[in-house]
Amino acid sequence: MHYILSGKVIKGDGYGKKLGFPTVNLETSDTLPPAGVYTGNAIMNNKSYRAGILINPSGKVEVHLLGYSGDAYGNTVILETKEFLRNYKKFNTEEELIRQIEEDLKICSQV
């Protein structure tokens, strides 16, 4: 099922950036899809990006915009989920998490 979400980019905890996969964190009041990882598209400043989208169980929305670098704080992002990739999961090590993110983003770049 496809979802359309929009929200304002807010400050996150910087963990994605620390791992090498910076994300924009969205503040949204839209109905969220079930927790998990999705492929999708994002529009920010009239530019479209392929995106890896994480909805965590607490309702936090994090998005890695493929090909984007810069300061997105305060911008509005419109997201469309395309494909559910996997359930939300805690990893035992950062190395395992990094490997999984790399696999997820490879799929996101092709969808």
PDB file of N, CA and C in Angstrom:
ATOM      1  N   MET A   1       0.843  -1.188   0.000  1.00  0.00           N
ATOM      2  CA  MET A   1       0.000   0.000   0.000  1.00  0.00           C
ATOM      3  C   MET A   1       0.888   1.250   0.000  1.00  0.00           C
ATOM      4  N   HIS A   2       0.523   2.193  -0.822  1.00  0.00           N
ATOM      5  CA  HIS A   2       1.279   3.437  -0.922  1.00  0.00           C
ATOM      6  C   HIS A   2       0.757   4.448   0.088  1.00  0.00           C
ATOM      7  N   TYR A   3       1.669   5.186   0.655  1.00  0.00           N
ATOM      8  CA  TYR A   3       1.328   6.273   1.570  1.00  0.00           C
ATOM      9  C   TYR A   3       1.969   7.541   1.047  1.00  0.00           C
ATOM     10  N   ILE A   4       1.284   8.651   1.258  1.00  0.00           N
ATOM     11  CA  ILE A   4       1.837   9.968   0.968  1.00  0.00           C
ATOM     12  C   ILE A   4       1.946  10.687   2.309  1.00  0.00           C
ATOM     13  N   LEU A   5       3.133  11.153   2.616  1.00  0.00           N
ATOM     14  CA  LEU A   5       3.387  11.866   3.863  1.00  0.00           C
ATOM     15  C   LEU A   5       4.047  13.190   3.542  1.00  0.00           C
ATOM     16  N   SER A   6       3.798  14.166   4.358  1.00  0.00           N
ATOM     17  CA  SER A   6       4.553  15.411   4.224  1.00  0.00           C
ATOM     18  C   SER A   6       4.885  15.902   5.619  1.00  0.00           C
ATOM     19  N   GLY A   7       5.996  16.583   5.692  1.00  0.00           N
ATOM     20  CA  GLY A   7       6.404  17.096   6.986  1.00  0.00           C
ATOM     21  C   GLY A   7       7.580  18.024   6.866  1.00  0.00           C
ATOM     22  N   LYS A   8       7.851  18.657   7.969  1.00  0.00           N
ATOM     23  CA  LYS A   8       8.948  19.605   8.073  1.00  0.00           C
ATOM     24  C   LYS A   8      10.176  18.867   8.601  1.00  0.00           C
ATOM     25  N   VAL A   9      11.336  19.181   8.036  1.00  0.00           N
ATOM     26  CA  VAL A   9      12.584  18.569   8.482  1.00  0.00           C
ATOM     27  C   VAL A   9      12.987  19.178   9.827  1.00  0.00           C
ATOM     28  N   ILE A  10      13.181  18.288  10.797  1.00  0.00           N
ATOM     29  CA  ILE A  10      13.572  18.703  12.142  1.00  0.00           C
ATOM     30  C   ILE A  10      14.914  18.058  12.501  1.00  0.00           C
ATOM     31  N   LYS A  11      15.507  18.538  13.563  1.00  0.00           N
ATOM     32  CA  LYS A  11      16.793  17.994  14.015  1.00  0.00           C
ATOM     33  C   LYS A  11      16.580  16.608  14.602  1.00  0.00           C
ATOM     34  N   GLY A  12      17.436  15.670  14.173  1.00  0.00           N
ATOM     35  CA  GLY A  12      17.415  14.328  14.729  1.00  0.00           C
ATOM     36  C   GLY A  12      18.593  14.132  15.659  1.00  0.00           C
ATOM     37  N   ASP A  13      18.901  12.880  15.950  1.00  0.00           N
ATOM     38  CA  ASP A  13      19.999  12.597  16.868  1.00  0.00           C
ATOM     39  C   ASP A  13      21.343  12.453  16.165  1.00  0.00           C
ATOM     40  N   GLY A  14      21.366  12.486  14.831  1.00  0.00           N
ATOM     41  CA  GLY A  14      22.616  12.427  14.079  1.00  0.00           C
ATOM     42  C   GLY A  14      23.195  11.032  13.914  1.00  0.00           C
ATOM     43  N   TYR A  15      22.442  10.004  14.305  1.00  0.00           N
ATOM     44  CA  TYR A  15      22.974   8.645  14.251  1.00  0.00           C
ATOM     45  C   TYR A  15      23.181   8.174  12.813  1.00  0.00           C
ATOM     46  N   GLY A  16      22.235   8.476  11.916  1.00  0.00           N
ATOM     47  CA  GLY A  16      22.397   8.095  10.509  1.00  0.00           C
ATOM     48  C   GLY A  16      23.640   8.719   9.904  1.00  0.00           C
ATOM     49  N   LYS A  17      23.873   9.973  10.188  1.00  0.00           N
ATOM     50  CA  LYS A  17      25.068  10.662   9.684  1.00  0.00           C
ATOM     51  C   LYS A  17      26.328  10.013  10.239  1.00  0.00           C
ATOM     52  N   LYS A  18      26.300   9.661  11.520  1.00  0.00           N
ATOM     53  CA  LYS A  18      27.451   9.003  12.154  1.00  0.00           C
ATOM     54  C   LYS A  18      27.788   7.691  11.445  1.00  0.00           C
ATOM     55  N   LEU A  19      26.752   6.979  10.985  1.00  0.00           N
ATOM     56  CA  LEU A  19      26.958   5.701  10.309  1.00  0.00           C
ATOM     57  C   LEU A  19      27.340   5.871   8.834  1.00  0.00           C
ATOM     58  N   GLY A  20      27.230   7.102   8.323  1.00  0.00           N
ATOM     59  CA  GLY A  20      27.553   7.351   6.924  1.00  0.00           C
ATOM     60  C   GLY A  20      26.331   7.441   6.022  1.00  0.00           C
ATOM     61  N   PHE A  21      25.149   7.481   6.627  1.00  0.00           N
ATOM     62  CA  PHE A  21      23.892   7.552   5.878  1.00  0.00           C
ATOM     63  C   PHE A  21      23.018   8.652   6.479  1.00  0.00           C
ATOM     64  N   PRO A  22      23.334   9.921   6.192  1.00  0.00           N
ATOM     65  CA  PRO A  22      22.556  11.005   6.791  1.00  0.00           C
ATOM     66  C   PRO A  22      21.088  10.926   6.388  1.00  0.00           C
ATOM     67  N   THR A  23      20.254  11.281   7.340  1.00  0.00           N
ATOM     68  CA  THR A  23      18.812  11.262   7.090  1.00  0.00           C
ATOM     69  C   THR A  23      18.208  12.618   7.410  1.00  0.00           C
ATOM     70  N   VAL A  24      17.049  12.862   6.810  1.00  0.00           N
ATOM     71  CA  VAL A  24      16.215  13.970   7.249  1.00  0.00           C
ATOM     72  C   VAL A  24      15.143  13.350   8.134  1.00  0.00           C
ATOM     73  N   ASN A  25      14.884  13.995   9.239  1.00  0.00           N
ATOM     74  CA  ASN A  25      13.872  13.546  10.183  1.00  0.00           C
ATOM     75  C   ASN A  25      12.654  14.436   9.997  1.00  0.00           C
ATOM     76  N   LEU A  26      11.502  13.811   9.833  1.00  0.00           N
ATOM     77  CA  LEU A  26      10.300  14.589   9.545  1.00  0.00           C
ATOM     78  C   LEU A  26       9.363  14.663  10.733  1.00  0.00           C
ATOM     79  N   GLU A  27       8.830  15.845  10.908  1.00  0.00           N
ATOM     80  CA  GLU A  27       7.750  16.060  11.855  1.00  0.00           C
ATOM     81  C   GLU A  27       6.475  16.087  11.016  1.00  0.00           C
ATOM     82  N   THR A  28       5.602  15.114  11.250  1.00  0.00           N
ATOM     83  CA  THR A  28       4.387  15.018  10.443  1.00  0.00           C
ATOM     84  C   THR A  28       3.213  14.623  11.323  1.00  0.00           C
ATOM     85  N   SER A  29       2.047  15.053  10.916  1.00  0.00           N
ATOM     86  CA  SER A  29       0.821  14.633  11.603  1.00  0.00           C
ATOM     87  C   SER A  29       0.024  13.677  10.717  1.00  0.00           C
ATOM     88  N   ASP A  30       0.619  13.259   9.596  1.00  0.00           N
ATOM     89  CA  ASP A  30      -0.044  12.337   8.684  1.00  0.00           C
ATOM     90  C   ASP A  30      -0.129  10.937   9.298  1.00  0.00           C
ATOM     91  N   THR A  31      -1.065  10.152   8.800  1.00  0.00           N
ATOM     92  CA  THR A  31      -1.166   8.753   9.202  1.00  0.00           C
ATOM     93  C   THR A  31       0.037   8.004   8.646  1.00  0.00           C
ATOM     94  N   LEU A  32       0.746   7.316   9.520  1.00  0.00           N
ATOM     95  CA  LEU A  32       1.973   6.639   9.115  1.00  0.00           C
ATOM     96  C   LEU A  32       1.709   5.202   8.704  1.00  0.00           C
ATOM     97  N   PRO A  33       2.515   4.695   7.790  1.00  0.00           N
ATOM     98  CA  PRO A  33       2.450   3.267   7.469  1.00  0.00           C
ATOM     99  C   PRO A  33       2.981   2.467   8.658  1.00  0.00           C
ATOM    100  N   PRO A  34       2.805   1.159   8.645  1.00  0.00           N
ATOM    101  CA  PRO A  34       3.362   0.338   9.718  1.00  0.00           C
ATOM    102  C   PRO A  34       4.883   0.500   9.806  1.00  0.00           C
ATOM    103  N   ALA A  35       5.425   0.309  10.994  1.00  0.00           N
ATOM    104  CA  ALA A  35       6.867   0.427  11.205  1.00  0.00           C
ATOM    105  C   ALA A  35       7.617  -0.484  10.237  1.00  0.00           C
ATOM    106  N   GLY A  36       8.730   0.024   9.724  1.00  0.00           N
ATOM    107  CA  GLY A  36       9.547  -0.763   8.812  1.00  0.00           C
ATOM    108  C   GLY A  36      10.334   0.122   7.881  1.00  0.00           C
ATOM    109  N   VAL A  37      10.961  -0.517   6.898  1.00  0.00           N
ATOM    110  CA  VAL A  37      11.777   0.171   5.908  1.00  0.00           C
ATOM    111  C   VAL A  37      11.076   0.081   4.557  1.00  0.00           C
ATOM    112  N   TYR A  38      11.025   1.216   3.859  1.00  0.00           N
ATOM    113  CA  TYR A  38      10.321   1.331   2.588  1.00  0.00           C
ATOM    114  C   TYR A  38      11.217   1.973   1.541  1.00  0.00           C
ATOM    115  N   THR A  39      10.969   1.640   0.286  1.00  0.00           N
ATOM    116  CA  THR A  39      11.515   2.420  -0.813  1.00  0.00           C
ATOM    117  C   THR A  39      10.509   3.529  -1.080  1.00  0.00           C
ATOM    118  N   GLY A  40      10.986   4.584  -1.707  1.00  0.00           N
ATOM    119  CA  GLY A  40      10.044   5.642  -2.019  1.00  0.00           C
ATOM    120  C   GLY A  40      10.674   6.770  -2.792  1.00  0.00           C
ATOM    121  N   ASN A  41       9.876   7.796  -2.960  1.00  0.00           N
ATOM    122  CA  ASN A  41      10.314   9.030  -3.594  1.00  0.00           C
ATOM    123  C   ASN A  41      10.068  10.168  -2.635  1.00  0.00           C
ATOM    124  N   ALA A  42      10.916  11.179  -2.731  1.00  0.00           N
ATOM    125  CA  ALA A  42      10.765  12.364  -1.893  1.00  0.00           C
ATOM    126  C   ALA A  42      10.907  13.594  -2.766  1.00  0.00           C
ATOM    127  N   ILE A  43      10.153  14.604  -2.438  1.00  0.00           N
ATOM    128  CA  ILE A  43      10.267  15.891  -3.117  1.00  0.00           C
ATOM    129  C   ILE A  43      10.612  16.937  -2.063  1.00  0.00           C
ATOM    130  N   MET A  44      11.695  17.650  -2.325  1.00  0.00           N
ATOM    131  CA  MET A  44      12.107  18.741  -1.448  1.00  0.00           C
ATOM    132  C   MET A  44      12.627  19.853  -2.337  1.00  0.00           C
ATOM    133  N   ASN A  45      12.163  21.057  -2.092  1.00  0.00           N
ATOM    134  CA  ASN A  45      12.565  22.225  -2.893  1.00  0.00           C
ATOM    135  C   ASN A  45      12.391  21.973  -4.387  1.00  0.00           C
ATOM    136  N   ASN A  46      11.251  21.392  -4.753  1.00  0.00           N
ATOM    137  CA  ASN A  46      10.887  21.119  -6.149  1.00  0.00           C
ATOM    138  C   ASN A  46      11.842  20.164  -6.858  1.00  0.00           C
ATOM    139  N   LYS A  47      12.593  19.386  -6.098  1.00  0.00           N
ATOM    140  CA  LYS A  47      13.483  18.393  -6.680  1.00  0.00           C
ATOM    141  C   LYS A  47      13.098  17.023  -6.140  1.00  0.00           C
ATOM    142  N   SER A  48      13.126  16.025  -7.030  1.00  0.00           N
ATOM    143  CA  SER A  48      12.732  14.670  -6.657  1.00  0.00           C
ATOM    144  C   SER A  48      13.961  13.806  -6.374  1.00  0.00           C
ATOM    145  N   TYR A  49      13.843  12.973  -5.348  1.00  0.00           N
ATOM    146  CA  TYR A  49      14.916  12.058  -4.949  1.00  0.00           C
ATOM    147  C   TYR A  49      14.327  10.671  -4.723  1.00  0.00           C
ATOM    148  N   ARG A  50      15.095   9.655  -5.060  1.00  0.00           N
ATOM    149  CA  ARG A  50      14.763   8.321  -4.581  1.00  0.00           C
ATOM    150  C   ARG A  50      15.122   8.317  -3.109  1.00  0.00           C
ATOM    151  N   ALA A  51      14.384   7.518  -2.338  1.00  0.00           N
ATOM    152  CA  ALA A  51      14.567   7.606  -0.900  1.00  0.00           C
ATOM    153  C   ALA A  51      14.430   6.251  -0.218  1.00  0.00           C
ATOM    154  N   GLY A  52      15.213   6.089   0.830  1.00  0.00           N
ATOM    155  CA  GLY A  52      15.034   4.995   1.767  1.00  0.00           C
ATOM    156  C   GLY A  52      14.320   5.575   2.982  1.00  0.00           C
ATOM    157  N   ILE A  53      13.213   4.976   3.349  1.00  0.00           N
ATOM    158  CA  ILE A  53      12.355   5.542   4.388  1.00  0.00           C
ATOM    159  C   ILE A  53      12.271   4.567   5.554  1.00  0.00           C
ATOM    160  N   LEU A  54      12.543   5.062   6.754  1.00  0.00           N
ATOM    161  CA  LEU A  54      12.410   4.264   7.970  1.00  0.00           C
ATOM    162  C   LEU A  54      11.308   4.845   8.827  1.00  0.00           C
ATOM    163  N   ILE A  55      10.346   4.006   9.163  1.00  0.00           N
ATOM    164  CA  ILE A  55       9.320   4.368  10.146  1.00  0.00           C
ATOM    165  C   ILE A  55       9.618   3.493  11.360  1.00  0.00           C
ATOM    166  N   ASN A  56      10.030   4.109  12.471  1.00  0.00           N
ATOM    167  CA  ASN A  56      10.321   3.254  13.616  1.00  0.00           C
ATOM    168  C   ASN A  56       9.064   3.073  14.468  1.00  0.00           C
ATOM    169  N   PRO A  57       9.061   2.107  15.365  1.00  0.00           N
ATOM    170  CA  PRO A  57       7.842   1.792  16.120  1.00  0.00           C
ATOM    171  C   PRO A  57       7.284   2.952  16.942  1.00  0.00           C
ATOM    172  N   SER A  58       8.124   3.923  17.293  1.00  0.00           N
ATOM    173  CA  SER A  58       7.631   5.065  18.060  1.00  0.00           C
ATOM    174  C   SER A  58       7.036   6.151  17.165  1.00  0.00           C
ATOM    175  N   GLY A  59       7.066   5.934  15.839  1.00  0.00           N
ATOM    176  CA  GLY A  59       6.486   6.894  14.907  1.00  0.00           C
ATOM    177  C   GLY A  59       7.470   7.905  14.349  1.00  0.00           C
ATOM    178  N   LYS A  60       8.739   7.706  14.606  1.00  0.00           N
ATOM    179  CA  LYS A  60       9.761   8.594  14.052  1.00  0.00           C
ATOM    180  C   LYS A  60       9.941   8.265  12.574  1.00  0.00           C
ATOM    181  N   VAL A  61       9.993   9.306  11.731  1.00  0.00           N
ATOM    182  CA  VAL A  61      10.159   9.147  10.290  1.00  0.00           C
ATOM    183  C   VAL A  61      11.533   9.682   9.903  1.00  0.00           C
ATOM    184  N   GLU A  62      12.384   8.785   9.369  1.00  0.00           N
ATOM    185  CA  GLU A  62      13.718   9.163   8.911  1.00  0.00           C
ATOM    186  C   GLU A  62      13.843   8.791   7.443  1.00  0.00           C
ATOM    187  N   VAL A  63      14.436   9.692   6.671  1.00  0.00           N
ATOM    188  CA  VAL A  63      14.516   9.488   5.229  1.00  0.00           C
ATOM    189  C   VAL A  63      15.932   9.777   4.743  1.00  0.00           C
ATOM    190  N   HIS A  64      16.507   8.809   4.033  1.00  0.00           N
ATOM    191  CA  HIS A  64      17.791   9.037   3.361  1.00  0.00           C
ATOM    192  C   HIS A  64      17.467   9.381   1.915  1.00  0.00           C
ATOM    193  N   LEU A  65      17.824  10.597   1.518  1.00  0.00           N
ATOM    194  CA  LEU A  65      17.585  11.073   0.148  1.00  0.00           C
ATOM    195  C   LEU A  65      18.803  10.728  -0.688  1.00  0.00           C
ATOM    196  N   LEU A  66      18.661   9.814  -1.624  1.00  0.00           N
ATOM    197  CA  LEU A  66      19.793   9.389  -2.437  1.00  0.00           C
ATOM    198  C   LEU A  66      20.267  10.547  -3.313  1.00  0.00           C
ATOM    199  N   GLY A  67      21.544  10.860  -3.216  1.00  0.00           N
ATOM    200  CA  GLY A  67      22.126  11.920  -4.027  1.00  0.00           C
ATOM    201  C   GLY A  67      22.042  13.306  -3.421  1.00  0.00           C
ATOM    202  N   TYR A  68      21.482  13.428  -2.219  1.00  0.00           N
ATOM    203  CA  TYR A  68      21.351  14.749  -1.600  1.00  0.00           C
ATOM    204  C   TYR A  68      22.426  14.931  -0.535  1.00  0.00           C
ATOM    205  N   SER A  69      22.998  16.109  -0.513  1.00  0.00           N
ATOM    206  CA  SER A  69      23.845  16.515   0.603  1.00  0.00           C
ATOM    207  C   SER A  69      23.573  17.988   0.837  1.00  0.00           C
ATOM    208  N   GLY A  70      23.526  18.365   2.060  1.00  0.00           N
ATOM    209  CA  GLY A  70      23.260  19.758   2.380  1.00  0.00           C
ATOM    210  C   GLY A  70      22.458  19.868   3.649  1.00  0.00           C
ATOM    211  N   ASP A  71      22.059  21.070   3.950  1.00  0.00           N
ATOM    212  CA  ASP A  71      21.282  21.369   5.150  1.00  0.00           C
ATOM    213  C   ASP A  71      19.811  21.464   4.767  1.00  0.00           C
ATOM    214  N   ALA A  72      19.019  20.536   5.242  1.00  0.00           N
ATOM    215  CA  ALA A  72      17.598  20.482   4.882  1.00  0.00           C
ATOM    216  C   ALA A  72      16.683  21.016   5.979  1.00  0.00           C
ATOM    217  N   TYR A  73      17.241  21.426   7.117  1.00  0.00           N
ATOM    218  CA  TYR A  73      16.415  21.837   8.247  1.00  0.00           C
ATOM    219  C   TYR A  73      15.415  22.916   7.860  1.00  0.00           C
ATOM    220  N   GLY A  74      14.177  22.709   8.291  1.00  0.00           N
ATOM    221  CA  GLY A  74      13.111  23.671   8.038  1.00  0.00           C
ATOM    222  C   GLY A  74      12.390  23.481   6.723  1.00  0.00           C
ATOM    223  N   ASN A  75      12.956  22.698   5.801  1.00  0.00           N
ATOM    224  CA  ASN A  75      12.301  22.451   4.523  1.00  0.00           C
ATOM    225  C   ASN A  75      11.127  21.492   4.700  1.00  0.00           C
ATOM    226  N   THR A  76      10.210  21.559   3.765  1.00  0.00           N
ATOM    227  CA  THR A  76       9.106  20.607   3.731  1.00  0.00           C
ATOM    228  C   THR A  76       9.450  19.513   2.742  1.00  0.00           C
ATOM    229  N   VAL A  77       9.187  18.262   3.136  1.00  0.00           N
ATOM    230  CA  VAL A  77       9.434  17.107   2.292  1.00  0.00           C
ATOM    231  C   VAL A  77       8.117  16.378   2.086  1.00  0.00           C
ATOM    232  N   ILE A  78       7.845  15.993   0.849  1.00  0.00           N
ATOM    233  CA  ILE A  78       6.687  15.160   0.523  1.00  0.00           C
ATOM    234  C   ILE A  78       7.229  13.786   0.161  1.00  0.00           C
ATOM    235  N   LEU A  79       6.724  12.756   0.825  1.00  0.00           N
ATOM    236  CA  LEU A  79       7.177  11.382   0.608  1.00  0.00           C
ATOM    237  C   LEU A  79       6.070  10.536   0.029  1.00  0.00           C
ATOM    238  N   GLU A  80       6.473   9.622  -0.832  1.00  0.00           N
ATOM    239  CA  GLU A  80       5.564   8.580  -1.306  1.00  0.00           C
ATOM    240  C   GLU A  80       6.272   7.251  -1.078  1.00  0.00           C
ATOM    241  N   THR A  81       5.667   6.391  -0.252  1.00  0.00           N
ATOM    242  CA  THR A  81       6.227   5.058  -0.095  1.00  0.00           C
ATOM    243  C   THR A  81       5.846   4.252  -1.319  1.00  0.00           C
ATOM    244  N   LYS A  82       6.786   3.416  -1.765  1.00  0.00           N
ATOM    245  CA  LYS A  82       6.531   2.605  -2.956  1.00  0.00           C
ATOM    246  C   LYS A  82       6.467   1.122  -2.622  1.00  0.00           C
ATOM    247  N   GLU A  83       7.477   0.639  -1.911  1.00  0.00           N
ATOM    248  CA  GLU A  83       7.579  -0.790  -1.663  1.00  0.00           C
ATOM    249  C   GLU A  83       8.053  -1.021  -0.238  1.00  0.00           C
ATOM    250  N   PHE A  84       7.400  -1.942   0.462  1.00  0.00           N
ATOM    251  CA  PHE A  84       7.834  -2.332   1.793  1.00  0.00           C
ATOM    252  C   PHE A  84       9.027  -3.266   1.637  1.00  0.00           C
ATOM    253  N   LEU A  85      10.153  -2.933   2.280  1.00  0.00           N
ATOM    254  CA  LEU A  85      11.348  -3.767   2.179  1.00  0.00           C
ATOM    255  C   LEU A  85      11.459  -4.790   3.305  1.00  0.00           C
ATOM    256  N   ARG A  86      11.279  -4.306   4.529  1.00  0.00           N
ATOM    257  CA  ARG A  86      11.459  -5.208   5.660  1.00  0.00           C
ATOM    258  C   ARG A  86      10.891  -4.586   6.928  1.00  0.00           C
ATOM    259  N   ASN A  87      10.704  -5.438   7.928  1.00  0.00           N
ATOM    260  CA  ASN A  87      10.260  -4.974   9.234  1.00  0.00           C
ATOM    261  C   ASN A  87      11.373  -4.215   9.935  1.00  0.00           C
ATOM    262  N   TYR A  88      10.984  -3.372  10.857  1.00  0.00           N
ATOM    263  CA  TYR A  88      11.940  -2.674  11.715  1.00  0.00           C
ATOM    264  C   TYR A  88      12.663  -3.723  12.552  1.00  0.00           C
ATOM    265  N   LYS A  89      13.971  -3.538  12.724  1.00  0.00           N
ATOM    266  CA  LYS A  89      14.759  -4.526  13.447  1.00  0.00           C
ATOM    267  C   LYS A  89      15.889  -3.842  14.191  1.00  0.00           C
ATOM    268  N   LYS A  90      16.179  -4.322  15.382  1.00  0.00           N
ATOM    269  CA  LYS A  90      17.362  -3.890  16.132  1.00  0.00           C
ATOM    270  C   LYS A  90      18.511  -4.811  15.729  1.00  0.00           C
ATOM    271  N   PHE A  91      19.696  -4.243  15.567  1.00  0.00           N
ATOM    272  CA  PHE A  91      20.861  -5.019  15.165  1.00  0.00           C
ATOM    273  C   PHE A  91      21.817  -5.163  16.337  1.00  0.00           C
ATOM    274  N   ASN A  92      22.575  -6.250  16.346  1.00  0.00           N
ATOM    275  CA  ASN A  92      23.518  -6.518  17.433  1.00  0.00           C
ATOM    276  C   ASN A  92      24.746  -5.621  17.372  1.00  0.00           C
ATOM    277  N   THR A  93      25.169  -5.261  16.157  1.00  0.00           N
ATOM    278  CA  THR A  93      26.356  -4.412  16.014  1.00  0.00           C
ATOM    279  C   THR A  93      26.095  -3.333  14.963  1.00  0.00           C
ATOM    280  N   GLU A  94      26.868  -2.265  15.038  1.00  0.00           N
ATOM    281  CA  GLU A  94      26.765  -1.218  14.020  1.00  0.00           C
ATOM    282  C   GLU A  94      27.166  -1.757  12.656  1.00  0.00           C
ATOM    283  N   GLU A  95      28.112  -2.683  12.610  1.00  0.00           N
ATOM    284  CA  GLU A  95      28.555  -3.259  11.343  1.00  0.00           C
ATOM    285  C   GLU A  95      27.407  -3.996  10.653  1.00  0.00           C
ATOM    286  N   GLU A  96      26.626  -4.752  11.416  1.00  0.00           N
ATOM    287  CA  GLU A  96      25.459  -5.434  10.846  1.00  0.00           C
ATOM    288  C   GLU A  96      24.450  -4.425  10.321  1.00  0.00           C
ATOM    289  N   LEU A  97      24.218  -3.379  11.083  1.00  0.00           N
ATOM    290  CA  LEU A  97      23.270  -2.339  10.675  1.00  0.00           C
ATOM    291  C   LEU A  97      23.755  -1.659   9.389  1.00  0.00           C
ATOM    292  N   ILE A  98      25.026  -1.328   9.314  1.00  0.00           N
ATOM    293  CA  ILE A  98      25.579  -0.672   8.124  1.00  0.00           C
ATOM    294  C   ILE A  98      25.418  -1.568   6.899  1.00  0.00           C
ATOM    295  N   ARG A  99      25.721  -2.850   7.041  1.00  0.00           N
ATOM    296  CA  ARG A  99      25.563  -3.781   5.908  1.00  0.00           C
ATOM    297  C   ARG A  99      24.103  -3.823   5.444  1.00  0.00           C
ATOM    298  N   GLN A 100      23.172  -3.843   6.394  1.00  0.00           N
ATOM    299  CA  GLN A 100      21.756  -3.893   6.026  1.00  0.00           C
ATOM    300  C   GLN A 100      21.316  -2.604   5.345  1.00  0.00           C
ATOM    301  N   ILE A 101      21.764  -1.466   5.859  1.00  0.00           N
ATOM    302  CA  ILE A 101      21.414  -0.186   5.234  1.00  0.00           C
ATOM    303  C   ILE A 101      21.951  -0.138   3.805  1.00  0.00           C
ATOM    304  N   GLU A 102      23.176  -0.619   3.597  1.00  0.00           N
ATOM    305  CA  GLU A 102      23.742  -0.646   2.246  1.00  0.00           C
ATOM    306  C   GLU A 102      22.879  -1.487   1.312  1.00  0.00           C
ATOM    307  N   GLU A 103      22.427  -2.636   1.791  1.00  0.00           N
ATOM    308  CA  GLU A 103      21.547  -3.494   0.976  1.00  0.00           C
ATOM    309  C   GLU A 103      20.220  -2.803   0.700  1.00  0.00           C
ATOM    310  N   ASP A 104      19.642  -2.195   1.729  1.00  0.00           N
ATOM    311  CA  ASP A 104      18.358  -1.501   1.571  1.00  0.00           C
ATOM    312  C   ASP A 104      18.474  -0.379   0.539  1.00  0.00           C
ATOM    313  N   LEU A 105      19.535   0.425   0.649  1.00  0.00           N
ATOM    314  CA  LEU A 105      19.682   1.577  -0.254  1.00  0.00           C
ATOM    315  C   LEU A 105      19.997   1.148  -1.679  1.00  0.00           C
ATOM    316  N   LYS A 106      20.651   0.018  -1.835  1.00  0.00           N
ATOM    317  CA  LYS A 106      20.884  -0.507  -3.198  1.00  0.00           C
ATOM    318  C   LYS A 106      19.534  -0.784  -3.863  1.00  0.00           C
ATOM    319  N   ILE A 107      18.631  -1.396  -3.127  1.00  0.00           N
ATOM    320  CA  ILE A 107      17.283  -1.663  -3.664  1.00  0.00           C
ATOM    321  C   ILE A 107      16.569  -0.340  -3.937  1.00  0.00           C
ATOM    322  N   CYS A 108      16.652   0.593  -3.000  1.00  0.00           N
ATOM    323  CA  CYS A 108      15.971   1.881  -3.165  1.00  0.00           C
ATOM    324  C   CYS A 108      16.446   2.625  -4.414  1.00  0.00           C
ATOM    325  N   SER A 109      17.708   2.484  -4.742  1.00  0.00           N
ATOM    326  CA  SER A 109      18.241   3.186  -5.915  1.00  0.00           C
ATOM    327  C   SER A 109      17.750   2.600  -7.221  1.00  0.00           C
ATOM    328  N   GLN A 110      17.224   1.366  -7.170  1.00  0.00           N
ATOM    329  CA  GLN A 110      16.781   0.686  -8.387  1.00  0.00           C
ATOM    330  C   GLN A 110      15.275   0.716  -8.574  1.00  0.00           C
ATOM    331  N   VAL A 111      14.551   1.106  -7.565  1.00  0.00           N
ATOM    332  CA  VAL A 111      13.085   1.078  -7.645  1.00  0.00           C
ATOM    333  C   VAL A 111      12.555   2.407  -8.143  1.00  0.00           C
TER     334      VAL A 111
END
